[in-house]
PDB file of N, CA and C in Angstrom:
ATOM      1  N   VAL A   1       0.851  -1.177   0.000  1.00  0.00           N
ATOM      2  CA  VAL A   1       0.000   0.000   0.000  1.00  0.00           C
ATOM      3  C   VAL A   1       0.889   1.229   0.000  1.00  0.00           C
ATOM      4  N   ARG A   2       0.581   2.172  -0.871  1.00  0.00           N
ATOM      5  CA  ARG A   2       1.332   3.414  -0.938  1.00  0.00           C
ATOM      6  C   ARG A   2       0.342   4.562  -0.899  1.00  0.00           C
ATOM      7  N   ARG A   3       0.603   5.522  -0.031  1.00  0.00           N
ATOM      8  CA  ARG A   3      -0.244   6.712   0.030  1.00  0.00           C
ATOM      9  C   ARG A   3       0.152   7.641  -1.098  1.00  0.00           C
ATOM     10  N   SER A   4      -0.805   8.122  -1.845  1.00  0.00           N
ATOM     11  CA  SER A   4      -0.573   9.042  -2.949  1.00  0.00           C
ATOM     12  C   SER A   4      -1.573  10.177  -2.808  1.00  0.00           C
ATOM     13  N   GLY A   5      -1.193  11.192  -2.047  1.00  0.00           N
ATOM     14  CA  GLY A   5      -2.140  12.260  -1.757  1.00  0.00           C
ATOM     15  C   GLY A   5      -3.252  11.717  -0.888  1.00  0.00           C
ATOM     16  N   ALA A   6      -4.488  11.884  -1.328  1.00  0.00           N
ATOM     17  CA  ALA A   6      -5.638  11.403  -0.560  1.00  0.00           C
ATOM     18  C   ALA A   6      -5.975   9.951  -0.878  1.00  0.00           C
ATOM     19  N   ASN A   7      -5.281   9.357  -1.847  1.00  0.00           N
ATOM     20  CA  ASN A   7      -5.574   7.983  -2.269  1.00  0.00           C
ATOM     21  C   ASN A   7      -4.567   6.992  -1.717  1.00  0.00           C
ATOM     22  N   SER A   8      -4.987   5.741  -1.636  1.00  0.00           N
ATOM     23  CA  SER A   8      -4.083   4.634  -1.334  1.00  0.00           C
ATOM     24  C   SER A   8      -3.974   3.782  -2.588  1.00  0.00           C
ATOM     25  N   ASP A   9      -2.743   3.552  -3.046  1.00  0.00           N
ATOM     26  CA  ASP A   9      -2.506   2.708  -4.214  1.00  0.00           C
ATOM     27  C   ASP A   9      -2.098   1.327  -3.732  1.00  0.00           C
ATOM     28  N   VAL A  10      -2.792   0.298  -4.224  1.00  0.00           N
ATOM     29  CA  VAL A  10      -2.542  -1.073  -3.792  1.00  0.00           C
ATOM     30  C   VAL A  10      -2.278  -1.933  -5.021  1.00  0.00           C
ATOM     31  N   SER A  11      -1.213  -2.715  -4.988  1.00  0.00           N
ATOM     32  CA  SER A  11      -0.907  -3.668  -6.050  1.00  0.00           C
ATOM     33  C   SER A  11      -0.954  -5.067  -5.449  1.00  0.00           C
ATOM     34  N   ILE A  12      -1.699  -5.969  -6.095  1.00  0.00           N
ATOM     35  CA  ILE A  12      -1.933  -7.296  -5.532  1.00  0.00           C
ATOM     36  C   ILE A  12      -1.605  -8.368  -6.566  1.00  0.00           C
ATOM     37  N   PHE A  13      -0.949  -9.438  -6.121  1.00  0.00           N
ATOM     38  CA  PHE A  13      -0.729 -10.624  -6.950  1.00  0.00           C
ATOM     39  C   PHE A  13      -1.289 -11.820  -6.198  1.00  0.00           C
ATOM     40  N   PHE A  14      -2.161 -12.575  -6.855  1.00  0.00           N
ATOM     41  CA  PHE A  14      -2.735 -13.778  -6.272  1.00  0.00           C
ATOM     42  C   PHE A  14      -2.123 -14.990  -6.971  1.00  0.00           C
ATOM     43  N   PRO A  15      -1.243 -15.736  -6.305  1.00  0.00           N
ATOM     44  CA  PRO A  15      -0.633 -16.907  -6.941  1.00  0.00           C
ATOM     45  C   PRO A  15      -1.688 -17.963  -7.292  1.00  0.00           C
ATOM     46  N   LEU A  16      -1.429 -18.688  -8.369  1.00  0.00           N
ATOM     47  CA  LEU A  16      -2.309 -19.798  -8.736  1.00  0.00           C
ATOM     48  C   LEU A  16      -2.360 -20.820  -7.606  1.00  0.00           C
ATOM     49  N   GLY A  17      -3.510 -21.449  -7.439  1.00  0.00           N
ATOM     50  CA  GLY A  17      -3.637 -22.518  -6.457  1.00  0.00           C
ATOM     51  C   GLY A  17      -3.984 -22.059  -5.055  1.00  0.00           C
ATOM     52  N   ARG A  18      -3.977 -20.760  -4.796  1.00  0.00           N
ATOM     53  CA  ARG A  18      -4.343 -20.263  -3.470  1.00  0.00           C
ATOM     54  C   ARG A  18      -5.746 -19.693  -3.529  1.00  0.00           C
ATOM     55  N   THR A  19      -6.488 -19.888  -2.466  1.00  0.00           N
ATOM     56  CA  THR A  19      -7.830 -19.321  -2.385  1.00  0.00           C
ATOM     57  C   THR A  19      -7.861 -18.286  -1.270  1.00  0.00           C
ATOM     58  N   TYR A  20      -8.795 -17.365  -1.383  1.00  0.00           N
ATOM     59  CA  TYR A  20      -8.915 -16.278  -0.422  1.00  0.00           C
ATOM     60  C   TYR A  20     -10.380 -16.080  -0.081  1.00  0.00           C
ATOM     61  N   THR A  21     -10.622 -15.510   1.079  1.00  0.00           N
ATOM     62  CA  THR A  21     -11.970 -15.122   1.482  1.00  0.00           C
ATOM     63  C   THR A  21     -12.049 -13.599   1.449  1.00  0.00           C
ATOM     64  N   THR A  22     -13.258 -13.075   1.458  1.00  0.00           N
ATOM     65  CA  THR A  22     -13.400 -11.620   1.490  1.00  0.00           C
ATOM     66  C   THR A  22     -12.795 -11.054   2.775  1.00  0.00           C
ATOM     67  N   SER A  23     -12.874 -11.787   3.869  1.00  0.00           N
ATOM     68  CA  SER A  23     -12.273 -11.325   5.131  1.00  0.00           C
ATOM     69  C   SER A  23     -10.762 -11.215   5.011  1.00  0.00           C
ATOM     70  N   GLN A  24     -10.137 -12.185   4.346  1.00  0.00           N
ATOM     71  CA  GLN A  24      -8.690 -12.108   4.142  1.00  0.00           C
ATOM     72  C   GLN A  24      -8.336 -10.926   3.248  1.00  0.00           C
ATOM     73  N   LEU A  25      -9.142 -10.675   2.222  1.00  0.00           N
ATOM     74  CA  LEU A  25      -8.876  -9.544   1.344  1.00  0.00           C
ATOM     75  C   LEU A  25      -9.040  -8.222   2.083  1.00  0.00           C
ATOM     76  N   ASP A  26      -9.936  -8.169   3.057  1.00  0.00           N
ATOM     77  CA  ASP A  26     -10.118  -6.945   3.844  1.00  0.00           C
ATOM     78  C   ASP A  26      -8.842  -6.510   4.549  1.00  0.00           C
ATOM     79  N   THR A  27      -7.950  -7.449   4.851  1.00  0.00           N
ATOM     80  CA  THR A  27      -6.709  -7.081   5.537  1.00  0.00           C
ATOM     81  C   THR A  27      -5.801  -6.240   4.646  1.00  0.00           C
ATOM     82  N   LEU A  28      -6.069  -6.203   3.343  1.00  0.00           N
ATOM     83  CA  LEU A  28      -5.286  -5.364   2.433  1.00  0.00           C
ATOM     84  C   LEU A  28      -5.628  -3.892   2.583  1.00  0.00           C
ATOM     85  N   LEU A  29      -6.774  -3.612   3.159  1.00  0.00           N
ATOM     86  CA  LEU A  29      -7.239  -2.233   3.293  1.00  0.00           C
ATOM     87  C   LEU A  29      -6.764  -1.663   4.624  1.00  0.00           C
ATOM     88  N   THR A  30      -5.530  -1.186   4.637  1.00  0.00           N
ATOM     89  CA  THR A  30      -4.933  -0.706   5.886  1.00  0.00           C
ATOM     90  C   THR A  30      -5.143   0.779   6.104  1.00  0.00           C
ATOM     91  N   THR A  31      -5.730   1.470   5.135  1.00  0.00           N
ATOM     92  CA  THR A  31      -5.986   2.902   5.266  1.00  0.00           C
ATOM     93  C   THR A  31      -7.434   3.177   4.903  1.00  0.00           C
ATOM     94  N   SER A  32      -7.939   4.284   5.382  1.00  0.00           N
ATOM     95  CA  SER A  32      -9.293   4.684   5.002  1.00  0.00           C
ATOM     96  C   SER A  32      -9.198   5.606   3.788  1.00  0.00           C
ATOM     97  N   GLY A  33     -10.326   5.886   3.191  1.00  0.00           N
ATOM     98  CA  GLY A  33     -10.348   6.770   2.038  1.00  0.00           C
ATOM     99  C   GLY A  33     -10.303   6.007   0.735  1.00  0.00           C
ATOM    100  N   PRO A  34     -10.171   6.749  -0.368  1.00  0.00           N
ATOM    101  CA  PRO A  34     -10.177   6.129  -1.697  1.00  0.00           C
ATOM    102  C   PRO A  34      -8.987   5.202  -1.916  1.00  0.00           C
ATOM    103  N   HIS A  35      -9.224   4.140  -2.669  1.00  0.00           N
ATOM    104  CA  HIS A  35      -8.177   3.178  -3.016  1.00  0.00           C
ATOM    105  C   HIS A  35      -8.139   2.998  -4.531  1.00  0.00           C
ATOM    106  N   LEU A  36      -6.942   2.876  -5.066  1.00  0.00           N
ATOM    107  CA  LEU A  36      -6.741   2.464  -6.445  1.00  0.00           C
ATOM    108  C   LEU A  36      -6.031   1.126  -6.368  1.00  0.00           C
ATOM    109  N   ILE A  37      -6.700   0.063  -6.828  1.00  0.00           N
ATOM    110  CA  ILE A  37      -6.173  -1.290  -6.667  1.00  0.00           C
ATOM    111  C   ILE A  37      -5.921  -1.895  -8.041  1.00  0.00           C
ATOM    112  N   GLY A  38      -4.707  -2.352  -8.239  1.00  0.00           N
ATOM    113  CA  GLY A  38      -4.352  -3.102  -9.443  1.00  0.00           C
ATOM    114  C   GLY A  38      -4.067  -4.528  -9.028  1.00  0.00           C
ATOM    115  N   ALA A  39      -4.549  -5.494  -9.792  1.00  0.00           N
ATOM    116  CA  ALA A  39      -4.376  -6.883  -9.364  1.00  0.00           C
ATOM    117  C   ALA A  39      -4.101  -7.808 -10.540  1.00  0.00           C
ATOM    118  N   ASP A  40      -3.167  -8.721 -10.324  1.00  0.00           N
ATOM    119  CA  ASP A  40      -2.996  -9.893 -11.185  1.00  0.00           C
ATOM    120  C   ASP A  40      -3.633 -11.016 -10.380  1.00  0.00           C
ATOM    121  N   ALA A  41      -4.934 -11.221 -10.604  1.00  0.00           N
ATOM    122  CA  ALA A  41      -5.727 -12.058  -9.708  1.00  0.00           C
ATOM    123  C   ALA A  41      -5.752 -13.535 -10.088  1.00  0.00           C
ATOM    124  N   ASN A  42      -5.331 -13.881 -11.299  1.00  0.00           N
ATOM    125  CA  ASN A  42      -5.440 -15.278 -11.729  1.00  0.00           C
ATOM    126  C   ASN A  42      -6.833 -15.816 -11.412  1.00  0.00           C
ATOM    127  N   ALA A  43      -7.837 -15.005 -11.728  1.00  0.00           N
ATOM    128  CA  ALA A  43      -9.228 -15.334 -11.423  1.00  0.00           C
ATOM    129  C   ALA A  43     -10.090 -14.971 -12.630  1.00  0.00           C
ATOM    130  N   HIS A  44     -11.238 -15.602 -12.719  1.00  0.00           N
ATOM    131  CA  HIS A  44     -12.153 -15.339 -13.824  1.00  0.00           C
ATOM    132  C   HIS A  44     -13.512 -14.923 -13.277  1.00  0.00           C
ATOM    133  N   ALA A  45     -14.049 -13.851 -13.875  1.00  0.00           N
ATOM    134  CA  ALA A  45     -15.379 -13.369 -13.506  1.00  0.00           C
ATOM    135  C   ALA A  45     -15.971 -12.659 -14.711  1.00  0.00           C
ATOM    136  N   MET A  46     -17.268 -12.674 -14.819  1.00  0.00           N
ATOM    137  CA  MET A  46     -17.939 -12.004 -15.925  1.00  0.00           C
ATOM    138  C   MET A  46     -17.666 -10.502 -15.904  1.00  0.00           C
ATOM    139  N   ALA A  47     -17.316  -9.952 -14.754  1.00  0.00           N
ATOM    140  CA  ALA A  47     -17.048  -8.519 -14.636  1.00  0.00           C
ATOM    141  C   ALA A  47     -15.860  -8.085 -15.481  1.00  0.00           C
ATOM    142  N   TRP A  48     -14.956  -9.018 -15.786  1.00  0.00           N
ATOM    143  CA  TRP A  48     -13.782  -8.645 -16.582  1.00  0.00           C
ATOM    144  C   TRP A  48     -13.397  -9.676 -17.639  1.00  0.00           C
ATOM    145  N   ASP A  49     -14.110 -10.769 -17.747  1.00  0.00           N
ATOM    146  CA  ASP A  49     -13.706 -11.794 -18.709  1.00  0.00           C
ATOM    147  C   ASP A  49     -14.911 -12.635 -19.106  1.00  0.00           C
ATOM    148  N   CYS A  50     -15.517 -12.315 -20.241  1.00  0.00           N
ATOM    149  CA  CYS A  50     -16.701 -13.055 -20.696  1.00  0.00           C
ATOM    150  C   CYS A  50     -16.344 -14.320 -21.467  1.00  0.00           C
ATOM    151  N   ALA A  51     -15.058 -14.476 -21.837  1.00  0.00           N
ATOM    152  CA  ALA A  51     -14.662 -15.605 -22.676  1.00  0.00           C
ATOM    153  C   ALA A  51     -14.460 -16.897 -21.892  1.00  0.00           C
ATOM    154  N   ILE A  52     -14.205 -16.783 -20.597  1.00  0.00           N
ATOM    155  CA  ILE A  52     -13.938 -17.961 -19.770  1.00  0.00           C
ATOM    156  C   ILE A  52     -14.943 -17.968 -18.620  1.00  0.00           C
ATOM    157  N   PRO A  53     -15.526 -19.116 -18.290  1.00  0.00           N
ATOM    158  CA  PRO A  53     -16.502 -19.172 -17.196  1.00  0.00           C
ATOM    159  C   PRO A  53     -15.904 -18.682 -15.872  1.00  0.00           C
ATOM    160  N   PRO A  54     -16.734 -18.051 -15.044  1.00  0.00           N
ATOM    161  CA  PRO A  54     -16.265 -17.578 -13.740  1.00  0.00           C
ATOM    162  C   PRO A  54     -15.775 -18.737 -12.877  1.00  0.00           C
ATOM    163  N   ASP A  55     -14.886 -18.416 -11.952  1.00  0.00           N
ATOM    164  CA  ASP A  55     -14.430 -19.407 -10.983  1.00  0.00           C
ATOM    165  C   ASP A  55     -14.603 -18.839  -9.573  1.00  0.00           C
ATOM    166  N   THR A  56     -14.347 -19.660  -8.573  1.00  0.00           N
ATOM    167  CA  THR A  56     -14.548 -19.253  -7.180  1.00  0.00           C
ATOM    168  C   THR A  56     -13.703 -18.043  -6.829  1.00  0.00           C
ATOM    169  N   ARG A  57     -12.460 -18.019  -7.286  1.00  0.00           N
ATOM    170  CA  ARG A  57     -11.587 -16.878  -6.984  1.00  0.00           C
ATOM    171  C   ARG A  57     -12.181 -15.586  -7.541  1.00  0.00           C
ATOM    172  N   GLY A  58     -12.693 -15.645  -8.766  1.00  0.00           N
ATOM    173  CA  GLY A  58     -13.325 -14.475  -9.359  1.00  0.00           C
ATOM    174  C   GLY A  58     -14.569 -14.063  -8.600  1.00  0.00           C
ATOM    175  N   ASP A  59     -15.381 -15.046  -8.207  1.00  0.00           N
ATOM    176  CA  ASP A  59     -16.593 -14.750  -7.435  1.00  0.00           C
ATOM    177  C   ASP A  59     -16.256 -14.044  -6.125  1.00  0.00           C
ATOM    178  N   VAL A  60     -15.225 -14.522  -5.433  1.00  0.00           N
ATOM    179  CA  VAL A  60     -14.823 -13.914  -4.156  1.00  0.00           C
ATOM    180  C   VAL A  60     -14.332 -12.489  -4.387  1.00  0.00           C
ATOM    181  N   LEU A  61     -13.532 -12.287  -5.415  1.00  0.00           N
ATOM    182  CA  LEU A  61     -12.991 -10.962  -5.688  1.00  0.00           C
ATOM    183  C   LEU A  61     -14.095  -9.974  -6.064  1.00  0.00           C
ATOM    184  N   VAL A  62     -15.051 -10.408  -6.880  1.00  0.00           N
ATOM    185  CA  VAL A  62     -16.179  -9.543  -7.234  1.00  0.00           C
ATOM    186  C   VAL A  62     -16.999  -9.215  -5.989  1.00  0.00           C
ATOM    187  N   GLN A  63     -17.268 -10.209  -5.134  1.00  0.00           N
ATOM    188  CA  GLN A  63     -18.032  -9.951  -3.913  1.00  0.00           C
ATOM    189  C   GLN A  63     -17.304  -8.961  -3.014  1.00  0.00           C
ATOM    190  N   TRP A  64     -15.976  -9.087  -2.899  1.00  0.00           N
ATOM    191  CA  TRP A  64     -15.172  -8.169  -2.090  1.00  0.00           C
ATOM    192  C   TRP A  64     -15.288  -6.743  -2.635  1.00  0.00           C
ATOM    193  N   CYS A  65     -15.254  -6.608  -3.956  1.00  0.00           N
ATOM    194  CA  CYS A  65     -15.407  -5.284  -4.563  1.00  0.00           C
ATOM    195  C   CYS A  65     -16.790  -4.710  -4.266  1.00  0.00           C
ATOM    196  N   LEU A  66     -17.818  -5.538  -4.377  1.00  0.00           N
ATOM    197  CA  LEU A  66     -19.177  -5.083  -4.064  1.00  0.00           C
ATOM    198  C   LEU A  66     -19.304  -4.691  -2.596  1.00  0.00           C
ATOM    199  N   ASP A  67     -18.760  -5.509  -1.706  1.00  0.00           N
ATOM    200  CA  ASP A  67     -18.839  -5.237  -0.266  1.00  0.00           C
ATOM    201  C   ASP A  67     -18.183  -3.912   0.107  1.00  0.00           C
ATOM    202  N   ASN A  68     -17.158  -3.512  -0.649  1.00  0.00           N
ATOM    203  CA  ASN A  68     -16.398  -2.306  -0.322  1.00  0.00           C
ATOM    204  C   ASN A  68     -16.704  -1.135  -1.251  1.00  0.00           C
ATOM    205  N   ASP A  69     -17.779  -1.257  -2.028  1.00  0.00           N
ATOM    206  CA  ASP A  69     -18.177  -0.209  -2.975  1.00  0.00           C
ATOM    207  C   ASP A  69     -17.067   0.155  -3.951  1.00  0.00           C
ATOM    208  N   PHE A  70     -16.269  -0.837  -4.360  1.00  0.00           N
ATOM    209  CA  PHE A  70     -15.237  -0.626  -5.368  1.00  0.00           C
ATOM    210  C   PHE A  70     -15.863  -0.780  -6.750  1.00  0.00           C
ATOM    211  N   VAL A  71     -15.330  -0.066  -7.710  1.00  0.00           N
ATOM    212  CA  VAL A  71     -15.778  -0.156  -9.093  1.00  0.00           C
ATOM    213  C   VAL A  71     -14.716  -0.909  -9.878  1.00  0.00           C
ATOM    214  N   ILE A  72     -15.128  -1.899 -10.654  1.00  0.00           N
ATOM    215  CA  ILE A  72     -14.203  -2.654 -11.495  1.00  0.00           C
ATOM    216  C   ILE A  72     -14.151  -1.967 -12.850  1.00  0.00           C
ATOM    217  N   HIS A  73     -12.963  -1.486 -13.210  1.00  0.00           N
ATOM    218  CA  HIS A  73     -12.771  -0.842 -14.511  1.00  0.00           C
ATOM    219  C   HIS A  73     -12.076  -1.828 -15.433  1.00  0.00           C
ATOM    220  N   ASP A  74     -12.714  -2.142 -16.527  1.00  0.00           N
ATOM    221  CA  ASP A  74     -12.130  -3.069 -17.487  1.00  0.00           C
ATOM    222  C   ASP A  74     -12.580  -2.643 -18.871  1.00  0.00           C
ATOM    223  N   ALA A  75     -11.633  -2.524 -19.778  1.00  0.00           N
ATOM    224  CA  ALA A  75     -11.958  -2.088 -21.133  1.00  0.00           C
ATOM    225  C   ALA A  75     -12.596  -3.194 -21.966  1.00  0.00           C
ATOM    226  N   GLY A  76     -12.544  -4.426 -21.479  1.00  0.00           N
ATOM    227  CA  GLY A  76     -13.108  -5.544 -22.212  1.00  0.00           C
ATOM    228  C   GLY A  76     -12.184  -6.115 -23.265  1.00  0.00           C
ATOM    229  N   ASP A  77     -10.977  -5.575 -23.364  1.00  0.00           N
ATOM    230  CA  ASP A  77     -10.001  -6.086 -24.330  1.00  0.00           C
ATOM    231  C   ASP A  77      -9.359  -7.363 -23.812  1.00  0.00           C
ATOM    232  N   CYS A  78      -9.004  -8.246 -24.725  1.00  0.00           N
ATOM    233  CA  CYS A  78      -8.288  -9.468 -24.347  1.00  0.00           C
ATOM    234  C   CYS A  78      -6.898  -9.095 -23.847  1.00  0.00           C
ATOM    235  N   THR A  79      -6.501  -9.685 -22.749  1.00  0.00           N
ATOM    236  CA  THR A  79      -5.175  -9.417 -22.203  1.00  0.00           C
ATOM    237  C   THR A  79      -4.197 -10.530 -22.526  1.00  0.00           C
ATOM    238  N   ARG A  80      -4.716 -11.648 -23.003  1.00  0.00           N
ATOM    239  CA  ARG A  80      -3.844 -12.763 -23.384  1.00  0.00           C
ATOM    240  C   ARG A  80      -4.606 -13.654 -24.356  1.00  0.00           C
ATOM    241  N   HIS A  81      -3.883 -14.557 -24.986  1.00  0.00           N
ATOM    242  CA  HIS A  81      -4.503 -15.508 -25.900  1.00  0.00           C
ATOM    243  C   HIS A  81      -3.834 -16.862 -25.703  1.00  0.00           C
ATOM    244  N   THR A  82      -4.627 -17.874 -25.453  1.00  0.00           N
ATOM    245  CA  THR A  82      -4.100 -19.231 -25.331  1.00  0.00           C
ATOM    246  C   THR A  82      -4.839 -20.122 -26.314  1.00  0.00           C
ATOM    247  N   THR A  83      -4.186 -21.167 -26.758  1.00  0.00           N
ATOM    248  CA  THR A  83      -4.851 -22.081 -27.684  1.00  0.00           C
ATOM    249  C   THR A  83      -5.951 -22.868 -26.987  1.00  0.00           C
ATOM    250  N   ARG A  84      -5.821 -23.049 -25.682  1.00  0.00           N
ATOM    251  CA  ARG A  84      -6.824 -23.802 -24.932  1.00  0.00           C
ATOM    252  C   ARG A  84      -8.109 -23.002 -24.768  1.00  0.00           C
ATOM    253  N   HIS A  85      -7.998 -21.712 -24.432  1.00  0.00           N
ATOM    254  CA  HIS A  85      -9.176 -20.897 -24.143  1.00  0.00           C
ATOM    255  C   HIS A  85      -9.508 -19.889 -25.238  1.00  0.00           C
ATOM    256  N   GLY A  86      -8.591 -19.594 -26.126  1.00  0.00           N
ATOM    257  CA  GLY A  86      -8.801 -18.522 -27.086  1.00  0.00           C
ATOM    258  C   GLY A  86      -8.559 -17.191 -26.396  1.00  0.00           C
ATOM    259  N   PRO A  87      -9.069 -16.101 -26.952  1.00  0.00           N
ATOM    260  CA  PRO A  87      -8.842 -14.792 -26.331  1.00  0.00           C
ATOM    261  C   PRO A  87      -9.510 -14.710 -24.966  1.00  0.00           C
ATOM    262  N   SER A  88      -8.848 -14.058 -24.038  1.00  0.00           N
ATOM    263  CA  SER A  88      -9.455 -13.822 -22.720  1.00  0.00           C
ATOM    264  C   SER A  88      -8.865 -12.582 -22.111  1.00  0.00           C
TER     265      SER A  88
END
């Protein structure tokens, strides 16, 4: 977490194979006020990826965002391409 004026900037990496709860994610919020969060979540949710079915990690992350009134910003562009899944 880095304070940037009135905002807190948070960068998160979720390793493959680990699961999290919304309560565990709450521990990332060590400051009050606005947050800008960037994440490599290794998760799938309709909020940011319509090409691959949602998974539990994505569901938890979306619920955490809803619980904390966070807005998910996603341009809808593919960020990678695999032969197994196609664009995602």
